[in-house]
Amino acid sequence: MTAHSADVVILGGGSGGYAAALRSAELGKSVVLIEKDKVGGTCLHRGCIPTKALLHSAEIAENVRDAAKYGVGASFDGIDPAGVRAYREGIVAKKYKGLEGLIKARGITVVHGEGTLLADRTVAVGEDVYAGADVVLATGSYSRSLPGLEIGGRILTSEQALALEEVPQRVVILGGGVIGVEFASVWRSFGAEVTIVEALDHLAPNEDIALSKGLERAFRRRGIAYSLGVRFASATQTADAVTVTLENGTSYEADYLLVAVGRGPATAGLGFEEAGVQMERGFVLTDPELRTNVAHVWAVGDIVPGLQLAHRGFLQGIAAAERIAGLAPAVIPDAQVPRVTYCSPEVASVGVTEAAAVAEHGADSVVSYEYNLAGNGKSEIIGTGGLVKVVRLKDGPVLGVHLLGDRVGELITEGQLAVSWEAHPEDIAPLIHAHPTQSEALGEAFLALAGKPLHAL
């Protein structure tokens, strides 16, 4: 074996790993970044970026269909799967090239291969061993399935769904969370018949109930079908179709079944437990500052229990690098991490739901307000419905901000600031929201909670 050393050795080149690498190099550390595939990980190559490009193609399709409503002459002639794929892959390629340039400019050594964690802060890659004064584990996640449900043929994960070279006519989606509703939105815009199967009682079940119910109403209007509160039982496939059966005996036949039941931590077989790292259900356990129980071994991203979001991993990668360098960045709890689901309409939130706030503080101590986007000029102009919901502690700070509507993901940062800074609605109400923008809807909600509603009754 050939031995190498660096100040920081990072196992995994996704959002958390490359962020840790870039920040460590910026802070003067020598860095080795080990990645078995392409730097950028799932988010850049098989997740966030390609799926959002796909969603933008879907938005364009809807805009063309509705062009006459806006006084524009256009005809919708169908979807060109090869053209959609070329557009999507072009976006990914451009972002990948930019990331490669950044890594090269920072002097980071990239090692291509599958790494295994050994004792004494070393990582083996083939016949080479890389020793770090500190090691950051950032190996990401994989698409889960259910026991007995084999992926293959007409049963897909999101990665295989992205690679489809056709627009399916009929699709069943198992799971009504982020991945499920995003693909449902895309395929419906492309003309497919879509049915979502969700075992819990609502779509987007982790969101505030107002958003879940609003999304369900919007999906009904779009012709997206869904089954709620009944568990999946089985799936059988032939050369031409797949049949999905639920526990109540209901069955659906489709061209494909997309399995979108969440993602698991990609930690199996990488030597973590053998090296003494404390694990639970495949996740790496850390303290709030991302230290594992093994000295100078850190973990970031999807392998750390909590929200599995690229921007959370990115933030954690930066934080780990700064702590390694002796700095003291703030600990950002998951409740202060913004969450966006990019279906149409979009769902965006930060902080706690009203139900969670009531459970913690009591019903008499929690106040909420909902503002319908029907009263917002910009939302009317772009043709979206939806709502803004703000939850506050009575006579106290904002606890949660919850948004539903096209493009509302662009508004959630204001909500994050309000929640993170423990702002009171009275602090925000005097501030000016430009007209006409969708941000005015947030301003209206804060005005109402401050006791001086302008357009609300």
Protein backbone atom coordinates (compact mmCIF):
# COMPACT_ATOMS: atom_id res chain seq x y z
CA MET A 1 0.00 0.00 0.00
CA THR A 2 1.05 3.58 -0.70
CA ALA A 3 0.52 6.04 2.16
CA HIS A 4 -0.57 9.64 1.67
CA SER A 5 -1.48 12.33 4.18
CA ALA A 6 -3.41 15.60 4.34
CA ASP A 7 -4.83 17.93 6.92
CA VAL A 8 -8.38 16.94 5.98
CA VAL A 9 -9.49 13.73 4.24
CA ILE A 10 -13.11 13.77 3.07
CA LEU A 11 -14.96 10.61 2.11
CA GLY A 12 -17.72 11.56 -0.31
CA GLY A 13 -17.88 14.38 -2.85
CA GLY A 14 -21.55 15.37 -2.72
CA SER A 15 -22.95 18.64 -1.37
CA GLY A 16 -21.60 18.18 2.15
CA GLY A 17 -18.27 16.73 1.09
CA TYR A 18 -17.30 19.24 -1.56
CA ALA A 19 -18.46 22.14 0.64
CA ALA A 20 -16.17 20.87 3.40
CA ALA A 21 -13.35 20.53 0.87
CA LEU A 22 -13.74 24.03 -0.57
CA ARG A 23 -14.01 25.71 2.84
CA SER A 24 -11.10 23.71 4.29
CA ALA A 25 -8.87 24.71 1.38
CA GLU A 26 -9.96 28.32 1.76
CA LEU A 27 -8.86 28.12 5.40
CA GLY A 28 -5.39 26.95 4.41
CA LYS A 29 -5.77 23.21 4.89
CA SER A 30 -4.43 20.54 2.56
CA VAL A 31 -7.40 18.47 1.38
CA VAL A 32 -7.99 15.05 -0.15
CA LEU A 33 -11.51 14.49 -1.48
CA ILE A 34 -12.44 10.87 -2.19
CA GLU A 35 -15.41 10.17 -4.46
CA LYS A 36 -16.36 6.89 -6.16
CA ASP A 37 -18.41 8.61 -8.88
CA LYS A 38 -18.44 12.27 -9.92
CA VAL A 39 -17.84 15.15 -7.56
CA GLY A 40 -21.18 16.84 -6.95
CA GLY A 41 -22.88 13.65 -5.86
CA THR A 42 -26.55 12.80 -6.09
CA CYS A 43 -27.74 16.41 -5.93
CA LEU A 44 -25.85 17.59 -9.00
CA HIS A 45 -25.99 14.47 -11.15
CA ARG A 46 -29.11 12.49 -10.19
CA GLY A 47 -31.17 14.64 -7.83
CA CYS A 48 -31.71 18.36 -7.19
CA ILE A 49 -30.35 19.89 -10.37
CA PRO A 50 -31.62 17.45 -13.04
CA THR A 51 -35.05 17.08 -11.41
CA LYS A 52 -35.52 20.85 -11.15
CA ALA A 53 -34.48 21.21 -14.79
CA LEU A 54 -37.13 18.59 -15.58
CA LEU A 55 -39.67 20.56 -13.57
CA HIS A 56 -38.81 23.70 -15.55
CA SER A 57 -39.45 21.83 -18.81
CA ALA A 58 -42.81 20.82 -17.31
CA GLU A 59 -43.54 24.46 -16.43
CA ILE A 60 -42.79 25.51 -20.01
CA ALA A 61 -45.18 22.83 -21.29
CA GLU A 62 -47.95 24.19 -19.06
CA ASN A 63 -47.20 27.76 -20.13
CA VAL A 64 -47.49 26.83 -23.81
CA ARG A 65 -50.80 25.08 -23.21
CA ASP A 66 -52.11 28.17 -21.40
CA ALA A 67 -50.56 30.74 -23.76
CA ALA A 68 -53.89 31.91 -25.20
CA LYS A 69 -55.05 32.93 -21.71
CA TYR A 70 -52.23 35.49 -21.69
CA GLY A 71 -52.87 36.74 -25.20
CA VAL A 72 -50.01 34.81 -26.77
CA GLY A 73 -50.42 32.64 -29.84
CA ALA A 74 -48.69 29.29 -29.39
CA SER A 75 -49.45 25.63 -30.03
CA PHE A 76 -48.45 22.67 -27.89
CA ASP A 77 -47.14 19.92 -30.15
CA GLY A 78 -46.01 17.47 -27.47
CA ILE A 79 -42.91 16.58 -25.48
CA ASP A 80 -39.58 15.73 -27.10
CA PRO A 81 -37.94 13.41 -24.51
CA ALA A 82 -34.55 13.64 -26.24
CA GLY A 83 -34.72 17.44 -26.22
CA VAL A 84 -35.73 17.52 -22.56
CA ARG A 85 -32.87 15.21 -21.72
CA ALA A 86 -30.35 17.29 -23.70
CA TYR A 87 -31.48 20.47 -21.91
CA ARG A 88 -31.25 18.76 -18.52
CA GLU A 89 -27.86 17.18 -19.17
CA GLY A 90 -26.53 20.49 -20.48
CA ILE A 91 -27.39 22.19 -17.20
CA VAL A 92 -25.72 19.42 -15.19
CA ALA A 93 -22.61 19.44 -17.39
CA LYS A 94 -22.19 23.20 -17.02
CA LYS A 95 -22.53 23.07 -13.22
CA TYR A 96 -20.16 20.09 -13.04
CA LYS A 97 -17.53 21.87 -15.11
CA GLY A 98 -17.77 24.90 -12.84
CA LEU A 99 -17.41 22.76 -9.72
CA GLU A 100 -14.38 20.96 -11.16
CA GLY A 101 -12.80 24.34 -11.86
CA LEU A 102 -13.37 25.52 -8.30
CA ILE A 103 -11.86 22.37 -6.84
CA LYS A 104 -8.82 22.58 -9.10
CA ALA A 105 -8.33 26.28 -8.33
CA ARG A 106 -8.33 25.55 -4.58
CA GLY A 107 -5.61 22.90 -4.94
CA ILE A 108 -7.80 20.06 -3.67
CA THR A 109 -6.62 16.54 -4.48
CA VAL A 110 -9.49 14.46 -5.84
CA VAL A 111 -9.20 10.68 -5.58
CA HIS A 112 -11.60 8.66 -7.70
CA GLY A 113 -12.52 5.37 -6.08
CA GLU A 114 -14.51 3.78 -3.29
CA GLY A 115 -13.06 4.53 0.11
CA THR A 116 -13.20 2.48 3.29
CA LEU A 117 -12.66 4.04 6.70
CA LEU A 118 -9.90 2.41 8.74
CA ALA A 119 -8.67 3.06 12.25
CA ASP A 120 -6.46 6.04 13.11
CA ARG A 121 -8.22 8.47 10.78
CA THR A 122 -7.23 6.76 7.55
CA VAL A 123 -9.21 5.90 4.44
CA ALA A 124 -8.22 3.09 2.07
CA VAL A 125 -8.87 3.42 -1.66
CA GLY A 126 -7.63 0.35 -3.48
CA GLU A 127 -3.93 0.00 -2.70
CA ASP A 128 -3.63 3.55 -1.37
CA VAL A 129 -4.19 4.81 2.16
CA TYR A 130 -4.97 8.43 2.97
CA ALA A 131 -4.35 9.63 6.51
CA GLY A 132 -5.93 12.85 7.74
CA ALA A 133 -5.40 14.92 10.82
CA ASP A 134 -9.19 15.09 10.52
CA VAL A 135 -11.60 12.93 8.51
CA VAL A 136 -15.04 14.03 7.31
CA LEU A 137 -17.59 11.35 6.42
CA ALA A 138 -20.00 12.56 3.72
CA THR A 139 -21.12 9.48 1.79
CA GLY A 140 -24.69 10.61 1.09
CA SER A 141 -27.82 8.54 0.58
CA TYR A 142 -29.57 6.08 -1.72
CA SER A 143 -33.17 5.53 -2.86
CA ARG A 144 -35.02 3.24 -0.49
CA SER A 145 -37.52 0.57 -1.43
CA LEU A 146 -39.94 -1.47 0.67
CA PRO A 147 -39.35 -5.04 1.92
CA GLY A 148 -40.05 -7.48 -0.86
CA LEU A 149 -40.37 -4.78 -3.54
CA GLU A 150 -37.61 -5.37 -6.05
CA ILE A 151 -36.42 -2.49 -8.21
CA GLY A 152 -36.08 -3.35 -11.89
CA GLY A 153 -37.98 -3.51 -15.16
CA ARG A 154 -41.05 -1.31 -14.80
CA ILE A 155 -40.44 -0.63 -11.11
CA LEU A 156 -38.20 2.43 -10.85
CA THR A 157 -36.44 4.70 -8.40
CA SER A 158 -36.03 8.41 -9.13
CA GLU A 159 -32.61 7.76 -10.71
CA GLN A 160 -34.11 5.36 -13.27
CA ALA A 161 -37.08 7.66 -13.80
CA LEU A 162 -34.70 10.43 -14.85
CA ALA A 163 -33.15 8.10 -17.40
CA LEU A 164 -36.46 7.19 -19.10
CA GLU A 165 -36.40 7.90 -22.82
CA GLU A 166 -40.17 8.16 -23.11
CA VAL A 167 -43.09 9.95 -21.52
CA PRO A 168 -45.18 7.23 -19.87
CA GLN A 169 -48.92 7.24 -20.47
CA ARG A 170 -49.81 5.93 -16.99
CA VAL A 171 -47.73 6.08 -13.83
CA VAL A 172 -48.28 5.01 -10.24
CA ILE A 173 -46.08 6.72 -7.66
CA LEU A 174 -45.51 5.04 -4.32
CA GLY A 175 -44.99 7.85 -1.82
CA GLY A 176 -46.51 11.32 -1.56
CA GLY A 177 -43.47 13.08 -0.13
CA VAL A 178 -41.06 15.42 -1.90
CA ILE A 179 -39.84 13.09 -4.65
CA GLY A 180 -43.26 11.61 -5.30
CA VAL A 181 -45.15 14.88 -5.74
CA GLU A 182 -42.37 16.43 -7.83
CA PHE A 183 -42.38 13.56 -10.34
CA ALA A 184 -46.19 13.54 -10.29
CA SER A 185 -46.14 17.21 -11.23
CA VAL A 186 -43.68 16.65 -14.08
CA TRP A 187 -45.41 13.65 -15.61
CA ARG A 188 -48.85 15.26 -15.41
CA SER A 189 -47.52 18.36 -17.18
CA PHE A 190 -46.08 16.03 -19.84
CA GLY A 191 -49.52 14.46 -20.36
CA ALA A 192 -49.39 11.28 -18.29
CA GLU A 193 -52.15 9.87 -16.10
CA VAL A 194 -50.70 9.91 -12.58
CA THR A 195 -51.82 8.22 -9.36
CA ILE A 196 -49.98 8.73 -6.07
CA VAL A 197 -50.25 6.09 -3.33
CA GLU A 198 -49.46 7.48 0.14
CA ALA A 199 -49.89 5.35 3.26
CA LEU A 200 -50.29 8.40 5.51
CA ASP A 201 -53.39 10.58 5.54
CA HIS A 202 -52.08 13.45 3.40
CA LEU A 203 -49.74 14.37 0.58
CA ALA A 204 -46.60 16.17 1.77
CA PRO A 205 -47.31 14.63 5.20
CA ASN A 206 -44.44 16.37 6.98
CA GLU A 207 -45.79 19.81 6.16
CA ASP A 208 -48.37 21.95 7.96
CA ILE A 209 -51.84 20.54 7.36
CA ALA A 210 -52.90 23.73 5.56
CA LEU A 211 -50.24 23.16 2.91
CA SER A 212 -51.03 19.45 2.58
CA LYS A 213 -54.73 20.09 2.05
CA GLY A 214 -54.02 22.95 -0.34
CA LEU A 215 -51.69 20.78 -2.39
CA GLU A 216 -54.28 18.03 -2.55
CA ARG A 217 -56.90 20.47 -3.86
CA ALA A 218 -54.45 21.80 -6.45
CA PHE A 219 -53.53 18.29 -7.59
CA ARG A 220 -57.20 17.36 -7.96
CA ARG A 221 -57.69 20.39 -10.19
CA ARG A 222 -54.69 19.30 -12.25
CA GLY A 223 -56.10 15.79 -12.66
CA ILE A 224 -53.51 14.08 -10.47
CA ALA A 225 -55.19 11.20 -8.63
CA TYR A 226 -54.11 9.95 -5.23
CA SER A 227 -54.93 7.31 -2.64
CA LEU A 228 -54.33 8.30 0.99
CA GLY A 229 -54.24 6.32 4.20
CA VAL A 230 -53.99 2.85 2.64
CA ARG A 231 -50.76 0.85 2.57
CA PHE A 232 -49.12 -0.71 -0.45
CA ALA A 233 -49.43 -4.51 -0.62
CA SER A 234 -47.73 -5.77 -3.77
CA ALA A 235 -46.60 -5.07 -7.31
CA THR A 236 -46.45 -7.47 -10.24
CA GLN A 237 -45.16 -6.68 -13.69
CA THR A 238 -45.27 -8.02 -17.21
CA ALA A 239 -43.37 -6.94 -20.27
CA ASP A 240 -45.96 -4.21 -20.90
CA ALA A 241 -47.32 -3.05 -17.54
CA VAL A 242 -47.11 -3.12 -13.77
CA THR A 243 -50.06 -3.76 -11.43
CA VAL A 244 -49.99 -2.19 -7.97
CA THR A 245 -52.26 -3.61 -5.25
CA LEU A 246 -53.09 -1.95 -1.93
CA GLU A 247 -53.98 -3.61 1.36
CA ASN A 248 -57.67 -2.80 0.87
CA GLY A 249 -57.70 -4.71 -2.42
CA THR A 250 -57.66 -1.66 -4.72
CA SER A 251 -55.36 -2.11 -7.71
CA TYR A 252 -53.90 0.18 -10.34
CA GLU A 253 -52.32 -0.74 -13.67
CA ALA A 254 -49.66 1.52 -15.17
CA ASP A 255 -46.69 1.63 -17.49
CA TYR A 256 -44.34 2.23 -14.56
CA LEU A 257 -44.28 2.26 -10.78
CA LEU A 258 -42.04 4.92 -9.26
CA VAL A 259 -40.89 3.98 -5.75
CA ALA A 260 -40.47 7.26 -3.85
CA VAL A 261 -40.52 6.17 -0.20
CA GLY A 262 -37.50 8.16 0.94
CA ARG A 263 -33.73 7.85 1.04
CA GLY A 264 -31.44 5.86 3.32
CA PRO A 265 -27.92 6.65 4.53
CA ALA A 266 -25.20 5.24 2.24
CA THR A 267 -22.94 3.82 4.95
CA ALA A 268 -23.06 0.03 4.55
CA GLY A 269 -19.74 -1.69 3.91
CA LEU A 270 -17.63 1.44 4.32
CA GLY A 271 -15.93 0.41 7.56
CA PHE A 272 -17.56 3.00 9.81
CA GLU A 273 -18.63 0.63 12.58
CA GLU A 274 -15.39 -1.36 12.37
CA ALA A 275 -13.49 1.90 12.91
CA GLY A 276 -15.51 2.49 16.08
CA VAL A 277 -17.96 5.11 14.76
CA GLN A 278 -21.28 5.00 16.63
CA MET A 279 -24.20 4.20 14.30
CA GLU A 280 -27.97 3.85 14.54
CA ARG A 281 -30.11 2.35 11.75
CA GLY A 282 -27.32 3.08 9.30
CA PHE A 283 -26.97 6.74 10.29
CA VAL A 284 -23.80 8.19 11.82
CA LEU A 285 -24.46 9.72 15.22
CA THR A 286 -22.85 13.07 15.96
CA ASP A 287 -23.04 15.81 18.54
CA PRO A 288 -24.66 19.12 17.49
CA GLU A 289 -21.28 20.28 16.18
CA LEU A 290 -21.02 17.23 13.85
CA ARG A 291 -18.33 15.36 15.78
CA THR A 292 -18.64 11.59 15.93
CA ASN A 293 -17.60 9.63 19.02
CA VAL A 294 -14.20 9.01 17.38
CA ALA A 295 -11.80 11.91 17.89
CA HIS A 296 -11.21 14.04 14.77
CA VAL A 297 -13.80 12.12 12.73
CA TRP A 298 -16.77 14.21 11.61
CA ALA A 299 -19.94 13.46 9.66
CA VAL A 300 -22.14 15.70 7.50
CA GLY A 301 -25.12 15.51 5.16
CA ASP A 302 -27.62 12.74 4.59
CA ILE A 303 -25.79 10.23 6.79
CA VAL A 304 -26.47 12.40 9.87
CA PRO A 305 -30.00 11.94 11.30
CA GLY A 306 -32.36 14.74 10.34
CA LEU A 307 -33.48 16.50 7.19
CA GLN A 308 -31.95 15.02 4.03
CA LEU A 309 -31.51 18.21 2.04
CA ALA A 310 -28.58 19.28 -0.11
CA HIS A 311 -28.42 22.75 1.42
CA ARG A 312 -28.35 21.27 4.93
CA GLY A 313 -25.41 19.08 3.91
CA PHE A 314 -23.71 22.06 2.29
CA LEU A 315 -24.10 24.10 5.47
CA GLN A 316 -22.82 21.21 7.60
CA GLY A 317 -19.79 20.74 5.36
CA ILE A 318 -18.82 24.39 5.80
CA ALA A 319 -19.42 24.17 9.56
CA ALA A 320 -17.28 21.04 9.96
CA ALA A 321 -14.43 22.63 7.99
CA GLU A 322 -14.58 25.76 10.14
CA ARG A 323 -14.57 23.79 13.40
CA ILE A 324 -11.60 21.74 12.18
CA ALA A 325 -9.83 25.05 11.59
CA GLY A 326 -10.60 26.21 15.12
CA LEU A 327 -13.51 28.51 14.33
CA ALA A 328 -16.89 28.40 16.07
CA PRO A 329 -19.75 28.62 13.56
CA ALA A 330 -23.31 28.71 14.87
CA VAL A 331 -25.24 25.47 15.18
CA ILE A 332 -28.31 25.67 12.92
CA PRO A 333 -31.08 23.32 14.09
CA ASP A 334 -33.20 21.52 11.51
CA ALA A 335 -36.22 23.68 12.39
CA GLN A 336 -34.35 26.67 10.95
CA VAL A 337 -33.46 24.92 7.68
CA PRO A 338 -35.80 25.98 4.83
CA ARG A 339 -37.63 23.20 3.01
CA VAL A 340 -38.94 23.48 -0.56
CA THR A 341 -40.84 20.99 -2.71
CA TYR A 342 -40.72 22.07 -6.36
CA CYS A 343 -44.00 20.65 -7.64
CA SER A 344 -46.67 22.93 -9.10
CA PRO A 345 -47.77 24.58 -6.90
CA GLU A 346 -44.58 24.74 -4.85
CA VAL A 347 -44.51 24.00 -1.13
CA ALA A 348 -42.05 25.88 1.08
CA SER A 349 -41.68 26.04 4.84
CA VAL A 350 -39.37 26.80 7.74
CA GLY A 351 -39.83 26.42 11.46
CA VAL A 352 -42.55 24.30 13.08
CA THR A 353 -46.06 23.45 11.97
CA GLU A 354 -49.02 24.79 13.90
CA ALA A 355 -49.70 21.30 15.29
CA ALA A 356 -46.13 21.01 16.57
CA ALA A 357 -46.29 24.49 18.07
CA VAL A 358 -49.53 23.66 19.89
CA ALA A 359 -48.07 20.38 21.14
CA GLU A 360 -45.08 22.24 22.61
CA HIS A 361 -46.69 25.44 23.89
CA GLY A 362 -50.41 24.69 24.23
CA ALA A 363 -53.32 25.83 22.08
CA ASP A 364 -53.88 29.03 24.05
CA SER A 365 -50.30 30.15 23.48
CA VAL A 366 -50.17 29.76 19.68
CA VAL A 367 -51.67 32.10 17.06
CA SER A 368 -51.68 31.55 13.29
CA TYR A 369 -52.85 33.45 10.26
CA GLU A 370 -53.48 32.35 6.67
CA TYR A 371 -53.42 34.76 3.74
CA ASN A 372 -54.88 33.50 0.46
CA LEU A 373 -52.79 34.30 -2.63
CA ALA A 374 -56.02 35.24 -4.42
CA GLY A 375 -55.51 38.65 -2.84
CA ASN A 376 -51.95 39.04 -4.14
CA GLY A 377 -51.52 40.92 -7.41
CA LYS A 378 -48.38 39.17 -8.64
CA SER A 379 -49.83 35.72 -7.91
CA GLU A 380 -52.89 36.67 -9.96
CA ILE A 381 -50.64 37.87 -12.80
CA ILE A 382 -48.67 34.61 -12.98
CA GLY A 383 -51.82 32.54 -12.50
CA THR A 384 -51.17 30.75 -9.24
CA GLY A 385 -53.33 30.07 -6.23
CA GLY A 386 -52.10 29.13 -2.78
CA LEU A 387 -51.59 30.59 0.65
CA VAL A 388 -49.20 32.02 3.19
CA LYS A 389 -49.47 30.76 6.76
CA VAL A 390 -47.52 32.23 9.65
CA VAL A 391 -47.47 30.65 13.12
CA ARG A 392 -46.41 32.71 16.12
CA LEU A 393 -46.24 32.43 19.87
CA LYS A 394 -48.95 34.64 21.34
CA ASP A 395 -47.31 38.03 22.01
CA GLY A 396 -44.06 36.35 20.97
CA PRO A 397 -41.86 35.41 18.01
CA VAL A 398 -42.62 33.78 14.69
CA LEU A 399 -42.38 30.00 15.06
CA GLY A 400 -43.11 28.86 11.50
CA VAL A 401 -43.70 30.15 7.98
CA HIS A 402 -45.54 27.93 5.48
CA LEU A 403 -46.12 28.76 1.80
CA LEU A 404 -48.04 27.18 -1.08
CA GLY A 405 -48.01 28.53 -4.64
CA ASP A 406 -45.92 28.70 -7.77
CA ARG A 407 -42.50 30.31 -7.15
CA VAL A 408 -42.95 30.59 -3.37
CA GLY A 409 -39.65 28.78 -2.81
CA GLU A 410 -38.05 32.10 -3.65
CA LEU A 411 -39.77 33.68 -0.63
CA ILE A 412 -38.77 31.25 2.09
CA THR A 413 -35.51 32.98 3.01
CA GLU A 414 -37.49 35.83 4.58
CA GLY A 415 -39.30 33.21 6.64
CA GLN A 416 -35.98 31.69 7.65
CA LEU A 417 -34.72 35.05 8.87
CA ALA A 418 -37.91 35.65 10.85
CA VAL A 419 -37.76 32.24 12.53
CA SER A 420 -34.00 32.17 13.10
CA TRP A 421 -33.88 35.69 14.54
CA GLU A 422 -36.99 35.06 16.67
CA ALA A 423 -38.58 38.12 15.13
CA HIS A 424 -42.04 39.23 16.23
CA PRO A 425 -44.60 40.05 13.53
CA GLU A 426 -44.59 43.57 14.95
CA ASP A 427 -40.89 43.80 14.02
CA ILE A 428 -41.56 42.86 10.40
CA ALA A 429 -44.88 44.60 9.78
CA PRO A 430 -43.34 48.09 9.32
CA LEU A 431 -40.92 46.83 6.66
CA ILE A 432 -41.71 47.45 3.00
CA HIS A 433 -42.44 44.60 0.57
CA ALA A 434 -42.08 45.74 -3.04
CA HIS A 435 -45.24 45.99 -5.14
CA PRO A 436 -46.30 43.99 -7.01
CA THR A 437 -44.45 40.93 -5.68
CA GLN A 438 -45.50 37.71 -4.05
CA SER A 439 -43.50 38.79 -1.01
CA GLU A 440 -46.37 41.19 -0.26
CA ALA A 441 -48.40 38.14 0.77
CA LEU A 442 -45.89 37.50 3.55
CA GLY A 443 -46.10 41.17 4.49
CA GLU A 444 -49.90 40.92 4.71
CA ALA A 445 -49.65 37.92 7.04
CA PHE A 446 -47.20 39.71 9.32
CA LEU A 447 -49.41 42.83 9.32
CA ALA A 448 -52.44 40.75 10.32
CA LEU A 449 -50.58 39.02 13.16
CA ALA A 450 -49.32 42.41 14.32
CA GLY A 451 -52.95 43.47 14.70
CA LYS A 452 -53.21 45.78 11.71
CA PRO A 453 -54.41 43.82 8.69
CA LEU A 454 -54.52 45.87 5.49
CA HIS A 455 -56.42 43.79 2.96
CA ALA A 456 -57.49 40.99 5.27
CA LEU A 457 -60.81 40.97 7.13
